[in-house]
Amino acid sequence: MSSQALLHSQIIQKAWEDPNFMELLKSDPKKALYDVMGITLPENVQLKTIQETAEEIYLVIPPKPSEMVASARINVKAAW
């Protein structure tokens, strides 16, 4: 499992186990990641949290690697 996938799994597990973290993750995801996991995202990076249901799932299409800007890299701790 990549470090990105591992971090993603840890965030999901924490959200399932901690209702307060789940609510903060939905209302202010950057603050939730910083407060609970020490992850800092750059100011110019927006983070949106959506919760799937049994009837509604999401397919996230990431940007092409050529569209990634080196200056927008996320702190190594947050590389997901």
N, C-alpha and C. Protein backbone atom coordinates (compact mmCIF):
# COMPACT_ATOMS: atom_id res chain seq x y z
N MET A 1 0.85 -1.17 0.00
CA MET A 1 0.00 0.00 0.00
C MET A 1 0.90 1.24 0.00
N SER A 2 0.60 2.19 -0.87
CA SER A 2 1.39 3.42 -0.93
C SER A 2 1.16 4.27 0.31
N SER A 3 2.08 5.19 0.56
CA SER A 3 1.91 6.07 1.72
C SER A 3 0.65 6.93 1.57
N GLN A 4 0.33 7.29 0.33
CA GLN A 4 -0.89 8.07 0.08
C GLN A 4 -2.13 7.25 0.44
N ALA A 5 -2.17 6.01 0.01
CA ALA A 5 -3.32 5.15 0.30
C ALA A 5 -3.41 4.86 1.80
N LEU A 6 -2.28 4.67 2.45
CA LEU A 6 -2.26 4.42 3.89
C LEU A 6 -2.81 5.62 4.65
N LEU A 7 -2.36 6.82 4.29
CA LEU A 7 -2.84 8.03 4.95
C LEU A 7 -4.34 8.20 4.73
N HIS A 8 -4.79 7.97 3.52
CA HIS A 8 -6.21 8.07 3.19
C HIS A 8 -7.01 7.10 4.06
N SER A 9 -6.53 5.88 4.20
CA SER A 9 -7.19 4.88 5.04
C SER A 9 -7.23 5.29 6.50
N GLN A 10 -6.14 5.88 6.98
CA GLN A 10 -6.08 6.32 8.38
C GLN A 10 -7.09 7.44 8.65
N ILE A 11 -7.23 8.35 7.71
CA ILE A 11 -8.18 9.46 7.86
C ILE A 11 -9.61 8.91 7.90
N ILE A 12 -9.92 7.99 7.00
CA ILE A 12 -11.25 7.39 6.97
C ILE A 12 -11.53 6.63 8.26
N GLN A 13 -10.58 5.83 8.71
CA GLN A 13 -10.75 5.07 9.94
C GLN A 13 -11.01 5.99 11.13
N LYS A 14 -10.24 7.08 11.22
CA LYS A 14 -10.41 8.05 12.30
C LYS A 14 -11.81 8.67 12.23
N ALA A 15 -12.27 9.00 11.03
CA ALA A 15 -13.60 9.59 10.87
C ALA A 15 -14.70 8.62 11.30
N TRP A 16 -14.54 7.35 10.99
CA TRP A 16 -15.54 6.34 11.39
C TRP A 16 -15.57 6.18 12.91
N GLU A 17 -14.42 6.28 13.54
CA GLU A 17 -14.32 6.03 14.99
C GLU A 17 -14.64 7.26 15.84
N ASP A 18 -14.46 8.45 15.29
CA ASP A 18 -14.57 9.68 16.07
C ASP A 18 -15.58 10.63 15.44
N PRO A 19 -16.82 10.68 15.96
CA PRO A 19 -17.85 11.54 15.37
C PRO A 19 -17.47 13.02 15.35
N ASN A 20 -16.71 13.49 16.34
CA ASN A 20 -16.29 14.89 16.35
C ASN A 20 -15.32 15.17 15.21
N PHE A 21 -14.40 14.25 14.97
CA PHE A 21 -13.47 14.40 13.84
C PHE A 21 -14.25 14.37 12.53
N MET A 22 -15.22 13.48 12.42
CA MET A 22 -16.04 13.38 11.21
C MET A 22 -16.73 14.71 10.92
N GLU A 23 -17.33 15.31 11.93
CA GLU A 23 -18.04 16.58 11.74
C GLU A 23 -17.07 17.69 11.35
N LEU A 24 -15.92 17.76 12.01
CA LEU A 24 -14.93 18.78 11.67
C LEU A 24 -14.37 18.53 10.28
N LEU A 25 -14.17 17.27 9.92
CA LEU A 25 -13.66 16.92 8.60
C LEU A 25 -14.63 17.39 7.51
N LYS A 26 -15.92 17.33 7.80
CA LYS A 26 -16.92 17.78 6.83
C LYS A 26 -17.06 19.30 6.81
N SER A 27 -16.94 19.95 7.97
CA SER A 27 -17.15 21.40 8.03
C SER A 27 -15.88 22.20 7.75
N ASP A 28 -14.73 21.71 8.17
CA ASP A 28 -13.46 22.42 7.97
C ASP A 28 -12.35 21.39 7.84
N PRO A 29 -12.25 20.75 6.67
CA PRO A 29 -11.32 19.63 6.52
C PRO A 29 -9.85 19.98 6.76
N LYS A 30 -9.42 21.15 6.35
CA LYS A 30 -8.02 21.52 6.58
C LYS A 30 -7.71 21.63 8.07
N LYS A 31 -8.63 22.21 8.82
CA LYS A 31 -8.45 22.33 10.27
C LYS A 31 -8.47 20.95 10.91
N ALA A 32 -9.37 20.08 10.46
CA ALA A 32 -9.45 18.73 11.02
C ALA A 32 -8.14 17.98 10.83
N LEU A 33 -7.59 18.04 9.63
CA LEU A 33 -6.34 17.32 9.36
C LEU A 33 -5.19 17.90 10.17
N TYR A 34 -5.17 19.21 10.32
CA TYR A 34 -4.10 19.83 11.10
C TYR A 34 -4.25 19.52 12.59
N ASP A 35 -5.45 19.74 13.13
CA ASP A 35 -5.67 19.56 14.57
C ASP A 35 -5.45 18.12 15.03
N VAL A 36 -5.91 17.17 14.25
CA VAL A 36 -5.89 15.78 14.69
C VAL A 36 -4.67 15.00 14.20
N MET A 37 -4.18 15.35 13.00
CA MET A 37 -3.11 14.55 12.42
C MET A 37 -1.83 15.34 12.16
N GLY A 38 -1.87 16.65 12.40
CA GLY A 38 -0.68 17.47 12.19
C GLY A 38 -0.35 17.71 10.73
N ILE A 39 -1.33 17.54 9.85
CA ILE A 39 -1.12 17.70 8.42
C ILE A 39 -1.44 19.14 8.03
N THR A 40 -0.49 19.79 7.35
CA THR A 40 -0.68 21.16 6.89
C THR A 40 -0.76 21.17 5.37
N LEU A 41 -1.81 21.76 4.85
CA LEU A 41 -1.95 21.92 3.40
C LEU A 41 -1.65 23.37 3.04
N PRO A 42 -1.08 23.61 1.85
CA PRO A 42 -0.82 24.98 1.43
C PRO A 42 -2.11 25.80 1.36
N GLU A 43 -1.97 27.10 1.57
CA GLU A 43 -3.14 28.00 1.55
C GLU A 43 -3.91 27.91 0.23
N ASN A 44 -3.18 27.73 -0.89
CA ASN A 44 -3.84 27.75 -2.20
C ASN A 44 -4.52 26.42 -2.53
N VAL A 45 -4.39 25.42 -1.67
CA VAL A 45 -5.03 24.13 -1.91
C VAL A 45 -6.37 24.08 -1.18
N GLN A 46 -7.42 23.80 -1.93
CA GLN A 46 -8.74 23.64 -1.34
C GLN A 46 -8.98 22.16 -1.08
N LEU A 47 -9.62 21.85 0.01
CA LEU A 47 -9.92 20.46 0.36
C LEU A 47 -11.41 20.37 0.65
N LYS A 48 -12.08 19.48 -0.04
CA LYS A 48 -13.51 19.28 0.17
C LYS A 48 -13.75 17.86 0.63
N THR A 49 -14.60 17.70 1.61
CA THR A 49 -14.95 16.38 2.13
C THR A 49 -16.41 16.11 1.81
N ILE A 50 -16.66 14.97 1.21
CA ILE A 50 -18.03 14.54 0.96
C ILE A 50 -18.16 13.11 1.49
N GLN A 51 -19.32 12.79 1.99
CA GLN A 51 -19.54 11.46 2.55
C GLN A 51 -20.46 10.67 1.63
N GLU A 52 -19.98 9.52 1.20
CA GLU A 52 -20.80 8.66 0.36
C GLU A 52 -21.90 8.00 1.20
N THR A 53 -22.93 7.55 0.52
CA THR A 53 -23.99 6.78 1.15
C THR A 53 -24.09 5.45 0.39
N ALA A 54 -24.97 4.59 0.84
CA ALA A 54 -25.16 3.31 0.15
C ALA A 54 -25.73 3.53 -1.26
N GLU A 55 -26.44 4.64 -1.44
CA GLU A 55 -27.07 4.91 -2.73
C GLU A 55 -26.30 5.91 -3.59
N GLU A 56 -25.30 6.55 -3.03
CA GLU A 56 -24.59 7.59 -3.77
C GLU A 56 -23.09 7.45 -3.52
N ILE A 57 -22.36 7.18 -4.60
CA ILE A 57 -20.91 7.08 -4.50
C ILE A 57 -20.28 8.07 -5.48
N TYR A 58 -18.99 8.34 -5.32
CA TYR A 58 -18.31 9.34 -6.12
C TYR A 58 -17.08 8.75 -6.78
N LEU A 59 -16.81 9.19 -7.97
CA LEU A 59 -15.59 8.84 -8.69
C LEU A 59 -14.79 10.13 -8.82
N VAL A 60 -13.62 10.16 -8.20
CA VAL A 60 -12.78 11.35 -8.23
C VAL A 60 -11.73 11.16 -9.31
N ILE A 61 -11.68 12.09 -10.24
CA ILE A 61 -10.70 12.05 -11.31
C ILE A 61 -9.62 13.08 -10.99
N PRO A 62 -8.41 12.63 -10.69
CA PRO A 62 -7.35 13.57 -10.34
C PRO A 62 -6.85 14.31 -11.58
N PRO A 63 -6.13 15.42 -11.39
CA PRO A 63 -5.58 16.14 -12.53
C PRO A 63 -4.50 15.29 -13.21
N LYS A 64 -4.28 15.55 -14.48
CA LYS A 64 -3.20 14.89 -15.20
C LYS A 64 -1.88 15.28 -14.54
N PRO A 65 -0.92 14.37 -14.50
CA PRO A 65 0.38 14.72 -13.90
C PRO A 65 0.98 15.98 -14.51
N SER A 66 0.76 16.21 -15.79
CA SER A 66 1.31 17.41 -16.44
C SER A 66 0.65 18.69 -15.95
N GLU A 67 -0.53 18.57 -15.32
CA GLU A 67 -1.23 19.74 -14.81
C GLU A 67 -0.88 20.06 -13.36
N MET A 68 -0.14 19.16 -12.73
CA MET A 68 0.26 19.39 -11.34
C MET A 68 1.35 20.46 -11.32
N VAL A 69 1.23 21.39 -10.43
CA VAL A 69 2.20 22.47 -10.30
C VAL A 69 3.12 22.14 -9.14
N ALA A 70 4.42 22.21 -9.38
CA ALA A 70 5.38 21.87 -8.33
C ALA A 70 5.18 22.72 -7.09
N SER A 71 4.82 23.96 -7.26
CA SER A 71 4.66 24.85 -6.10
C SER A 71 3.43 24.51 -5.27
N ALA A 72 2.52 23.69 -5.80
CA ALA A 72 1.31 23.34 -5.08
C ALA A 72 1.46 22.01 -4.35
N ARG A 73 2.67 21.52 -4.24
CA ARG A 73 2.88 20.25 -3.55
C ARG A 73 2.46 20.35 -2.10
N ILE A 74 1.92 19.26 -1.64
CA ILE A 74 1.44 19.18 -0.26
C ILE A 74 2.59 18.73 0.62
N ASN A 75 2.59 19.20 1.85
CA ASN A 75 3.56 18.77 2.84
C ASN A 75 3.70 17.26 2.78
N VAL A 76 4.92 16.76 2.88
CA VAL A 76 5.18 15.32 2.76
C VAL A 76 4.27 14.50 3.66
N LYS A 77 3.96 14.98 4.85
CA LYS A 77 3.07 14.25 5.76
C LYS A 77 1.69 14.05 5.14
N ALA A 78 1.32 14.94 4.23
CA ALA A 78 -0.04 14.92 3.69
C ALA A 78 -0.09 14.40 2.26
N ALA A 79 0.93 13.72 1.83
CA ALA A 79 0.97 13.27 0.44
C ALA A 79 -0.03 12.15 0.18
N TRP A 80 -1.20 12.52 -0.15
CA TRP A 80 -2.19 11.54 -0.57
C TRP A 80 -2.74 12.05 -1.83
